[in-house]
């Protein structure tokens, strides 16, 4: 399930609660457990649609340097093994 869908479901619960439904009933109506709902609420509760897009963009940007570091570390280990004559 994507972040946009999660934010939409969180908003759906908010609307139902504002209409007088109990929180537990509203959570059941979006077909997730209360644990999942509270985890989502803590993670995405205050986000709006454009903020979700920005979060996804930042996560993608963050993956690139991590992947580069991982690749460089692997290359370093390979070169170290080759230099020690273990190949």
Protein backbone atom coordinates (compact mmCIF):
# COMPACT_ATOMS: atom_id res chain seq x y z
CA UNK A 1 0.00 0.00 0.00
CA UNK A 2 1.41 3.36 -0.99
CA UNK A 3 1.87 6.38 1.24
CA UNK A 4 -0.93 8.26 -0.54
CA UNK A 5 -3.33 5.42 0.19
CA UNK A 6 -2.28 5.33 3.83
CA UNK A 7 -2.78 9.09 4.23
CA UNK A 8 -6.19 8.77 2.55
CA UNK A 9 -7.21 5.99 4.95
CA UNK A 10 -6.05 8.05 7.94
CA UNK A 11 -8.15 10.97 6.72
CA UNK A 12 -11.10 8.62 6.23
CA UNK A 13 -10.88 7.63 9.90
CA UNK A 14 -10.68 11.30 10.90
CA UNK A 15 -13.84 12.07 8.90
CA UNK A 16 -15.74 9.13 10.38
CA UNK A 17 -14.72 10.10 13.93
CA UNK A 18 -15.75 13.71 13.30
CA UNK A 19 -19.15 12.36 12.21
CA UNK A 20 -19.56 10.67 15.59
CA UNK A 21 -18.26 7.15 14.92
CA UNK A 22 -16.08 5.52 17.55
CA UNK A 23 -12.38 5.34 16.67
CA UNK A 24 -12.34 1.53 16.84
CA UNK A 25 -15.31 1.32 14.43
CA UNK A 26 -13.72 3.81 12.06
CA UNK A 27 -10.47 1.82 12.06
CA UNK A 28 -12.36 -1.39 11.29
CA UNK A 29 -14.06 0.33 8.37
CA UNK A 30 -10.69 0.93 6.66
CA UNK A 31 -9.89 -2.77 7.13
CA UNK A 32 -6.67 -2.53 9.15
CA UNK A 33 -5.80 -3.48 12.71
CA UNK A 34 -5.62 -0.89 15.45
CA UNK A 35 -1.87 -1.55 15.72
CA UNK A 36 -1.42 -0.77 12.03
CA UNK A 37 -3.60 2.33 12.30
CA UNK A 38 -1.59 3.71 15.23
CA UNK A 39 1.71 2.93 13.50
CA UNK A 40 0.50 4.74 10.38
CA UNK A 41 -0.81 7.63 12.49
CA UNK A 42 2.56 8.08 14.18
CA UNK A 43 4.40 7.82 10.86
CA UNK A 44 2.13 9.71 8.45
CA UNK A 45 -0.50 11.37 10.64
CA UNK A 46 0.35 14.98 9.94
CA UNK A 47 1.26 14.62 6.29
CA UNK A 48 -0.68 16.08 3.37
CA UNK A 49 -0.55 14.81 -0.21
CA UNK A 50 2.28 17.09 -1.36
CA UNK A 51 4.29 16.27 1.75
CA UNK A 52 3.96 12.55 0.98
CA UNK A 53 5.37 13.20 -2.51
CA UNK A 54 8.29 15.15 -1.01
CA UNK A 55 8.95 12.39 1.55
CA UNK A 56 9.07 9.79 -1.21
CA UNK A 57 11.41 12.02 -3.23
CA UNK A 58 13.75 12.43 -0.25
CA UNK A 59 13.74 8.70 0.42
CA UNK A 60 14.71 8.06 -3.22
CA UNK A 61 17.48 10.67 -3.03
CA UNK A 62 18.75 9.07 0.18
CA UNK A 63 18.98 5.63 -1.46
CA UNK A 64 21.43 6.81 -4.14
CA UNK A 65 24.31 7.78 -1.80
CA UNK A 66 23.71 4.68 0.33
CA UNK A 67 23.94 2.48 -2.75
CA UNK A 68 27.10 4.29 -3.90
CA UNK A 69 28.74 3.82 -0.49
CA UNK A 70 27.77 0.16 -0.50
CA UNK A 71 29.24 -0.32 -3.99
CA UNK A 72 32.47 1.45 -3.03
CA UNK A 73 32.79 -0.60 0.15
CA UNK A 74 32.35 -3.80 -1.84
CA UNK A 75 34.95 -2.67 -4.39
CA UNK A 76 37.38 -1.86 -1.57
CA UNK A 77 36.92 -5.32 -0.06
CA UNK A 78 37.46 -6.99 -3.44
CA UNK A 79 40.63 -4.97 -4.06
CA UNK A 80 41.88 -5.74 -0.55
CA UNK A 81 41.33 -9.47 -1.12
CA UNK A 82 43.05 -9.30 -4.52
CA UNK A 83 46.02 -7.44 -3.04
CA UNK A 84 46.45 -10.03 -0.33
CA UNK A 85 46.58 -12.82 -2.94
CA UNK A 86 43.45 -14.66 -1.81
CA UNK A 87 42.01 -14.91 -5.33
